[in-house]
């Protein structure tokens, strides 16, 4: 046994002339939670689809619990549970009926199936709504039930593809706490998101992707070291001005700049030395500065350092 629940080797996927995933390799040890982080279009969902056998790689291979997803797909699928980005539920059935159906698809039956339905409903906090039709559920409740489906067969690896997109804060927090708890109990997790705060909270290590490529892999502290001793200057302006990002990036002593929703984030080895120049440039463009903050590097700044753009781009 290798000690890895998931091994991804030289994985590549091309759609015609476009390379969606470009020769990535990584492994997840038993019990680890690995975050797959990147903006929309980075290749995260395509990677997950290949890991789970839903998309055939152009080249490379994936092993789950030692079994090749390409060569022995049924054996590999017994080891993981998938929580897809799109909700895979029957709206006219109750939550229990959905779970009974999917449990049978996993090969469960009899009393084990019934007790497993009770167990996963409790895990996702829907025991009191189990007999209600899914069409009466909120978006967040559907997402939680979607997770319950992936847990039915007691997987060793839980794969979650952007499970909190478009849901209310309460359901989002419930999903995050559930994943955290399952991982603490020994379940391995592969979690994709473009929300850096989610992977910071949940994951032991983080893999950063952009444009199909693996940009970096490590713990949060290891990734922060990539930025070095640079200061991170966060500047809010009253109104966005065209060309402001390029103008700040051109200042001597500035190593990177990104802009999002009237917030400028500037990396500089000596932040205070360039702060006056930054304010001068913004004032000359008619951009009224409303606040300035200097802080330690986070994943947003690591991503900016690696790619020259924001996670939200």
Foldseek 3Di string as FASTA:
>chain_A
DPQFQKWWFQFWADDVPATQAGGDTDTHGFLFEEEEAFAPSLNPQVVVCQQLLNDPTPDTWMAGNRHTCVPCVLVRNLAFFELEPDQDFDQQAFLLVRQLVLLVVSVDDDPLSVVLSCVLCVLLVNNVRRRPGNVVDDPLVSLSSSQSSRPSSPHLEYEYEASCPPDDPVSVVSVLVSLQVVSVVGRYYYHYDNDQVSCLVRGQKYFYTGSNYTQDIGGFVVLLCVLPQKKKKKWAWPDDFPPLQVVLCPDPQWPAWEDDDRIIITIGNDVVVCVVVSVVSCVVRVTHTDDMDIDRDGVQVSCCNRPRYGSHD
